[in-house]
C-alpha atoms as a PDB file:
ATOM      1  CA  MET A   1      -0.120   0.220  -0.001  1.00  0.00           C
ATOM      2  CA  ARG A   2       2.468   2.283   1.187  1.00  0.00           C
ATOM      3  CA  ARG A   3       4.841   1.398  -2.389  1.00  0.00           C
ATOM      4  CA  GLU A   4       1.949   2.495  -4.763  1.00  0.00           C
ATOM      5  CA  ARG A   5       1.332   5.767  -2.635  1.00  0.00           C
ATOM      6  CA  ASP A   6       4.901   6.673  -2.769  1.00  0.00           C
ATOM      7  CA  ARG A   7       4.625   5.689  -6.916  1.00  0.00           C
ATOM      8  CA  ARG A   8       1.595   8.025  -7.311  1.00  0.00           C
ATOM      9  CA  VAL A   9       3.039  10.900  -5.515  1.00  0.00           C
ATOM     10  CA  GLU A  10       6.329  10.761  -7.609  1.00  0.00           C
ATOM     11  CA  ALA A  11       3.925  10.071 -10.663  1.00  0.00           C
ATOM     12  CA  LEU A  12       2.281  13.587  -9.744  1.00  0.00           C
ATOM     13  CA  GLY A  13       5.813  15.393  -9.523  1.00  0.00           C
ATOM     14  CA  GLY A  14       5.795  15.205  -5.819  1.00  0.00           C
ATOM     15  CA  ASP A  15       8.775  14.754  -3.540  1.00  0.00           C
ATOM     16  CA  GLU A  16       9.657  10.804  -1.832  1.00  0.00           C
ATOM     17  CA  VAL A  17       7.468  10.332   0.931  1.00  0.00           C
ATOM     18  CA  GLY A  18      10.210   9.967   3.313  1.00  0.00           C
ATOM     19  CA  LYS A  19      11.676  13.337   1.952  1.00  0.00           C
ATOM     20  CA  SER A  20       8.949  15.255   2.662  1.00  0.00           C
ATOM     21  CA  GLY A  21       8.142  18.417   5.257  1.00  0.00           C
ATOM     22  CA  MET A  22       5.639  15.374   7.422  1.00  0.00           C
ATOM     23  CA  THR A  23       5.169  12.195   5.980  1.00  0.00           C
ATOM     24  CA  PRO A  24       1.048  11.232   5.798  1.00  0.00           C
ATOM     25  CA  THR A  25      -0.023   8.139   8.308  1.00  0.00           C
ATOM     26  CA  GLY A  26      -2.851   6.437   7.631  1.00  0.00           C
ATOM     27  CA  PHE A  27      -5.294   7.923   9.943  1.00  0.00           C
ATOM     28  CA  GLN A  28      -4.242  11.663   8.197  1.00  0.00           C
ATOM     29  CA  TYR A  29      -5.908  10.236   5.309  1.00  0.00           C
ATOM     30  CA  TRP A  30      -8.792   8.883   7.125  1.00  0.00           C
ATOM     31  CA  PHE A  31      -9.285  12.041   8.675  1.00  0.00           C
ATOM     32  CA  ALA A  32      -9.084  14.120   5.983  1.00  0.00           C
ATOM     33  CA  SER A  33     -11.598  11.556   3.542  1.00  0.00           C
ATOM     34  CA  ALA A  34     -14.223  10.708   6.182  1.00  0.00           C
ATOM     35  CA  TRP A  35     -14.274  13.433   8.682  1.00  0.00           C
ATOM     36  CA  PRO A  36     -17.165  15.266   7.137  1.00  0.00           C
ATOM     37  CA  ALA A  37     -19.578  12.428   6.720  1.00  0.00           C
ATOM     38  CA  LEU A  38     -18.668  11.325  10.353  1.00  0.00           C
ATOM     39  CA  ALA A  39     -19.435  14.441  11.833  1.00  0.00           C
ATOM     40  CA  ALA A  40     -22.630  14.465   9.754  1.00  0.00           C
ATOM     41  CA  ARG A  41     -23.716  10.868  10.750  1.00  0.00           C
ATOM     42  CA  SER A  42     -23.220  12.149  14.409  1.00  0.00           C
ATOM     43  CA  ILE A  43     -25.511  14.950  14.482  1.00  0.00           C
ATOM     44  CA  GLY A  44     -28.374  12.814  13.145  1.00  0.00           C
ATOM     45  CA  LEU A  45     -27.618  10.180  15.419  1.00  0.00           C
ATOM     46  CA  CYS A  46     -28.513  12.719  18.176  1.00  0.00           C
ATOM     47  CA  VAL A  47     -31.560  13.992  16.197  1.00  0.00           C
ATOM     48  CA  PHE A  48     -33.467  10.988  15.648  1.00  0.00           C
ATOM     49  CA  GLY A  49     -32.468   9.443  18.773  1.00  0.00           C
ATOM     50  CA  CYS A  50     -33.651  12.131  20.994  1.00  0.00           C
ATOM     51  CA  ALA A  51     -36.808  12.331  18.688  1.00  0.00           C
ATOM     52  CA  ILE A  52     -37.506   8.225  19.239  1.00  0.00           C
ATOM     53  CA  LEU A  53     -36.456   8.503  22.770  1.00  0.00           C
ATOM     54  CA  CYS A  54     -38.927  11.674  23.760  1.00  0.00           C
ATOM     55  CA  THR A  55     -42.006   9.875  21.286  1.00  0.00           C
ATOM     56  CA  ALA A  56     -41.020   6.552  23.376  1.00  0.00           C
ATOM     57  CA  VAL A  57     -41.358   8.509  26.986  1.00  0.00           C
ATOM     58  CA  ALA A  58     -44.579  10.426  25.681  1.00  0.00           C
ATOM     59  CA  THR A  59     -46.310   7.128  24.537  1.00  0.00           C
ATOM     60  CA  THR A  60     -45.654   5.021  28.210  1.00  0.00           C
ATOM     61  CA  ALA A  61     -46.500   8.250  29.745  1.00  0.00           C
ATOM     62  CA  LEU A  62     -49.796   8.847  27.692  1.00  0.00           C
ATOM     63  CA  TRP A  63     -50.711   4.969  26.972  1.00  0.00           C
ATOM     64  CA  PRO A  64     -52.781   4.584  30.191  1.00  0.00           C
ATOM     65  CA  VAL A  65     -55.401   7.560  29.909  1.00  0.00           C
ATOM     66  CA  VAL A  66     -56.168   6.302  26.193  1.00  0.00           C
ATOM     67  CA  GLU A  67     -56.295   2.913  27.499  1.00  0.00           C
ATOM     68  CA  PHE A  68     -58.715   3.630  30.580  1.00  0.00           C
ATOM     69  CA  GLN A  69     -61.276   6.166  28.717  1.00  0.00           C
ATOM     70  CA  PRO A  70     -61.422   5.087  25.119  1.00  0.00           C
ATOM     71  CA  HIS A  71     -63.353   7.420  23.576  1.00  0.00           C
ATOM     72  CA  TRP A  72     -62.215   9.220  19.826  1.00  0.00           C
ATOM     73  CA  THR A  73     -61.290  12.814  21.990  1.00  0.00           C
ATOM     74  CA  ASN A  74     -58.535  10.715  24.008  1.00  0.00           C
ATOM     75  CA  TRP A  75     -57.019   8.971  20.723  1.00  0.00           C
ATOM     76  CA  ALA A  76     -56.816  12.688  19.187  1.00  0.00           C
ATOM     77  CA  TRP A  77     -55.281  14.344  22.435  1.00  0.00           C
ATOM     78  CA  TYR A  78     -52.728  11.051  22.385  1.00  0.00           C
ATOM     79  CA  LEU A  79     -51.903  11.626  18.733  1.00  0.00           C
ATOM     80  CA  PHE A  80     -51.577  15.078  19.552  1.00  0.00           C
ATOM     81  CA  HIS A  81     -48.945  14.861  22.107  1.00  0.00           C
ATOM     82  CA  LEU A  82     -47.000  12.227  20.550  1.00  0.00           C
ATOM     83  CA  LEU A  83     -46.617  14.359  17.456  1.00  0.00           C
ATOM     84  CA  ALA A  84     -45.805  17.413  20.085  1.00  0.00           C
ATOM     85  CA  ALA A  85     -43.618  14.761  21.692  1.00  0.00           C
ATOM     86  CA  LEU A  86     -41.812  13.858  18.570  1.00  0.00           C
ATOM     87  CA  LEU A  87     -41.373  17.479  17.498  1.00  0.00           C
ATOM     88  CA  PHE A  88     -39.813  18.508  20.894  1.00  0.00           C
ATOM     89  CA  GLY A  89     -37.685  15.111  20.656  1.00  0.00           C
ATOM     90  CA  LEU A  90     -36.331  16.474  17.231  1.00  0.00           C
ATOM     91  CA  LEU A  91     -35.521  20.259  18.322  1.00  0.00           C
ATOM     92  CA  VAL A  92     -33.709  18.890  21.505  1.00  0.00           C
ATOM     93  CA  GLY A  93     -31.496  16.560  19.190  1.00  0.00           C
ATOM     94  CA  PHE A  94     -30.877  19.359  16.907  1.00  0.00           C
ATOM     95  CA  LEU A  95     -29.787  21.198  19.923  1.00  0.00           C
ATOM     96  CA  ILE A  96     -27.970  18.326  21.751  1.00  0.00           C
ATOM     97  CA  GLY A  97     -25.825  17.906  17.672  1.00  0.00           C
ATOM     98  CA  LEU A  98     -24.868  21.641  17.675  1.00  0.00           C
ATOM     99  CA  TYR A  99     -23.674  21.444  21.432  1.00  0.00           C
ATOM    100  CA  TRP A 100     -21.807  18.190  20.157  1.00  0.00           C
ATOM    101  CA  MET A 101     -20.095  19.882  17.513  1.00  0.00           C
ATOM    102  CA  ILE A 102     -18.913  22.803  19.544  1.00  0.00           C
ATOM    103  CA  LEU A 103     -17.576  20.740  22.156  1.00  0.00           C
ATOM    104  CA  PHE A 104     -15.755  17.894  20.668  1.00  0.00           C
ATOM    105  CA  LEU A 105     -16.051  18.297  16.664  1.00  0.00           C
ATOM    106  CA  PHE A 106     -14.929  21.830  16.132  1.00  0.00           C
ATOM    107  CA  PRO A 107     -12.150  21.458  18.165  1.00  0.00           C
ATOM    108  CA  VAL A 108     -11.125  17.776  17.050  1.00  0.00           C
ATOM    109  CA  GLN A 109     -11.006  19.551  13.598  1.00  0.00           C
ATOM    110  CA  TRP A 110      -8.611  22.388  14.715  1.00  0.00           C
ATOM    111  CA  LEU A 111      -6.394  20.253  16.572  1.00  0.00           C
ATOM    112  CA  ARG A 112      -6.168  17.913  13.407  1.00  0.00           C
ATOM    113  CA  ALA A 113      -5.269  20.892  11.405  1.00  0.00           C
ATOM    114  CA  ARG A 114      -2.597  21.462  13.702  1.00  0.00           C
ATOM    115  CA  MET A 115      -1.387  18.283  13.669  1.00  0.00           C
ATOM    116  CA  ASN A 116      -0.526  18.639   9.836  1.00  0.00           C
ATOM    117  CA  GLY A 117       1.332  21.611   9.892  1.00  0.00           C
ATOM    118  CA  ALA A 118      -1.771  24.320  10.121  1.00  0.00           C
ATOM    119  CA  PRO A 119      -1.665  27.525   9.527  1.00  0.00           C
ATOM    120  CA  PHE A 120      -0.885  27.683   6.383  1.00  0.00           C
ATOM    121  CA  GLN A 121       0.679  30.868   4.831  1.00  0.00           C
ATOM    122  CA  GLU A 122       0.960  31.586   1.168  1.00  0.00           C
ATOM    123  CA  GLY A 123       3.908  30.034  -0.752  1.00  0.00           C
ATOM    124  CA  ASP A 124       3.676  26.812   1.938  1.00  0.00           C
ATOM    125  CA  TRP A 125       3.456  23.979   0.244  1.00  0.00           C
ATOM    126  CA  VAL A 126       1.142  21.700   1.386  1.00  0.00           C
ATOM    127  CA  ARG A 127       0.497  17.731   0.388  1.00  0.00           C
ATOM    128  CA  ILE A 128      -3.250  17.002  -0.364  1.00  0.00           C
ATOM    129  CA  LEU A 129      -4.667  14.214   1.401  1.00  0.00           C
ATOM    130  CA  ALA A 130      -8.010  13.330   0.295  1.00  0.00           C
ATOM    131  CA  GLY A 131     -10.053  13.506  -2.981  1.00  0.00           C
ATOM    132  CA  ALA A 132      -8.805  13.325  -6.845  1.00  0.00           C
ATOM    133  CA  GLN A 133      -5.878  14.900  -6.091  1.00  0.00           C
ATOM    134  CA  ARG A 134      -4.797  13.221  -3.111  1.00  0.00           C
ATOM    135  CA  ASP A 135      -0.896  13.014  -2.845  1.00  0.00           C
ATOM    136  CA  ARG A 136      -0.289  15.478  -4.929  1.00  0.00           C
ATOM    137  CA  ILE A 137       2.016  18.192  -3.507  1.00  0.00           C
ATOM    138  CA  VAL A 138       0.868  22.030  -4.191  1.00  0.00           C
ATOM    139  CA  ARG A 139       1.675  25.952  -3.479  1.00  0.00           C
ATOM    140  CA  VAL A 140      -1.065  27.535  -0.861  1.00  0.00           C
ATOM    141  CA  LYS A 141      -2.449  31.022  -2.991  1.00  0.00           C
ATOM    142  CA  GLY A 142      -4.001  32.361   0.352  1.00  0.00           C
ATOM    143  CA  PRO A 143      -7.361  32.036   2.460  1.00  0.00           C
ATOM    144  CA  TRP A 144     -10.185  31.502   1.456  1.00  0.00           C
ATOM    145  CA  PRO A 145     -13.668  31.467   3.276  1.00  0.00           C
ATOM    146  CA  ARG A 146     -14.724  29.554   6.165  1.00  0.00           C
ATOM    147  CA  GLY A 147     -10.665  29.088   7.388  1.00  0.00           C
ATOM    148  CA  GLU A 148     -10.342  26.554   4.175  1.00  0.00           C
ATOM    149  CA  VAL A 149      -7.233  27.045   2.287  1.00  0.00           C
ATOM    150  CA  GLN A 150      -6.919  28.004  -1.400  1.00  0.00           C
ATOM    151  CA  VAL A 151      -4.065  26.073  -3.493  1.00  0.00           C
ATOM    152  CA  ASP A 152      -2.851  26.527  -7.035  1.00  0.00           C
ATOM    153  CA  MET A 153      -3.530  23.029  -8.964  1.00  0.00           C
ATOM    154  CA  GLY A 154      -1.771  24.544 -12.066  1.00  0.00           C
ATOM    155  CA  GLU A 155      -3.636  24.422 -15.348  1.00  0.00           C
ATOM    156  CA  ASP A 156      -6.132  21.990 -15.714  1.00  0.00           C
ATOM    157  CA  GLU A 157      -8.414  21.218 -19.040  1.00  0.00           C
ATOM    158  CA  ALA A 158     -10.934  23.682 -17.765  1.00  0.00           C
ATOM    159  CA  GLY A 159      -8.475  26.611 -17.257  1.00  0.00           C
ATOM    160  CA  ASP A 160      -9.049  26.887 -13.775  1.00  0.00           C
ATOM    161  CA  ASN A 161      -6.065  26.319 -11.403  1.00  0.00           C
ATOM    162  CA  THR A 162      -7.296  26.922  -8.126  1.00  0.00           C
ATOM    163  CA  HIS A 163      -9.007  24.759  -5.397  1.00  0.00           C
ATOM    164  CA  HIS A 164      -9.845  25.112  -1.775  1.00  0.00           C
ATOM    165  CA  PHE A 165      -9.406  22.368   0.606  1.00  0.00           C
ATOM    166  CA  PRO A 166      -9.992  22.273   4.376  1.00  0.00           C
ATOM    167  CA  PRO A 167      -7.033  22.359   6.627  1.00  0.00           C
ATOM    168  CA  TRP A 168      -7.206  19.463   7.860  1.00  0.00           C
ATOM    169  CA  GLY A 169      -7.305  17.679   4.286  1.00  0.00           C
ATOM    170  CA  LEU A 170      -3.511  19.016   3.690  1.00  0.00           C
ATOM    171  CA  CYS A 171      -0.293  18.480   5.568  1.00  0.00           C
ATOM    172  CA  ARG A 172       2.836  20.562   5.253  1.00  0.00           C
ATOM    173  CA  ALA A 173       5.052  18.763   2.566  1.00  0.00           C
ATOM    174  CA  THR A 174       8.849  20.252   1.217  1.00  0.00           C
ATOM    175  CA  PRO A 175       8.594  21.403  -2.416  1.00  0.00           C
ATOM    176  CA  PRO A 176       9.142  18.716  -5.420  1.00  0.00           C
ATOM    177  CA  VAL A 177      12.513  18.777  -7.334  1.00  0.00           C
END
């Protein structure tokens, strides 16, 4: 696996993996490629888990009322409260998901970017860790909104030579020879 990656780096005009400013680990590659999906899944789990939990609690608490008085107005009241509990659970889950992001996910992203050599300045050489341009060594062109980094990819077929990446998707490298 490592030899194949070394060949790809050399084919893309990069430096030797062992002599670069920072040799990426498997965890760095995983974090750069799988992190956004992991964050989205964890928030989704918080939202739907809280919705199911609130609905289950409301069902358990309200069922005796409907069971002992089986009138249609009690069923309407029961369904209204179940819907309210479901909506309340969605809201609580969303707030817990945001809390989770602020306390855990954002600091982990920041720490991962720091471990990869961020903050990157204009003119720095970086290695792309995820996507179609993986293991390509490029020059930083400057900052981009939302904390991303704009890099110069050279001319391609479309004539566009700049792309932007999150700082945890890049790591420091030495210039290609």
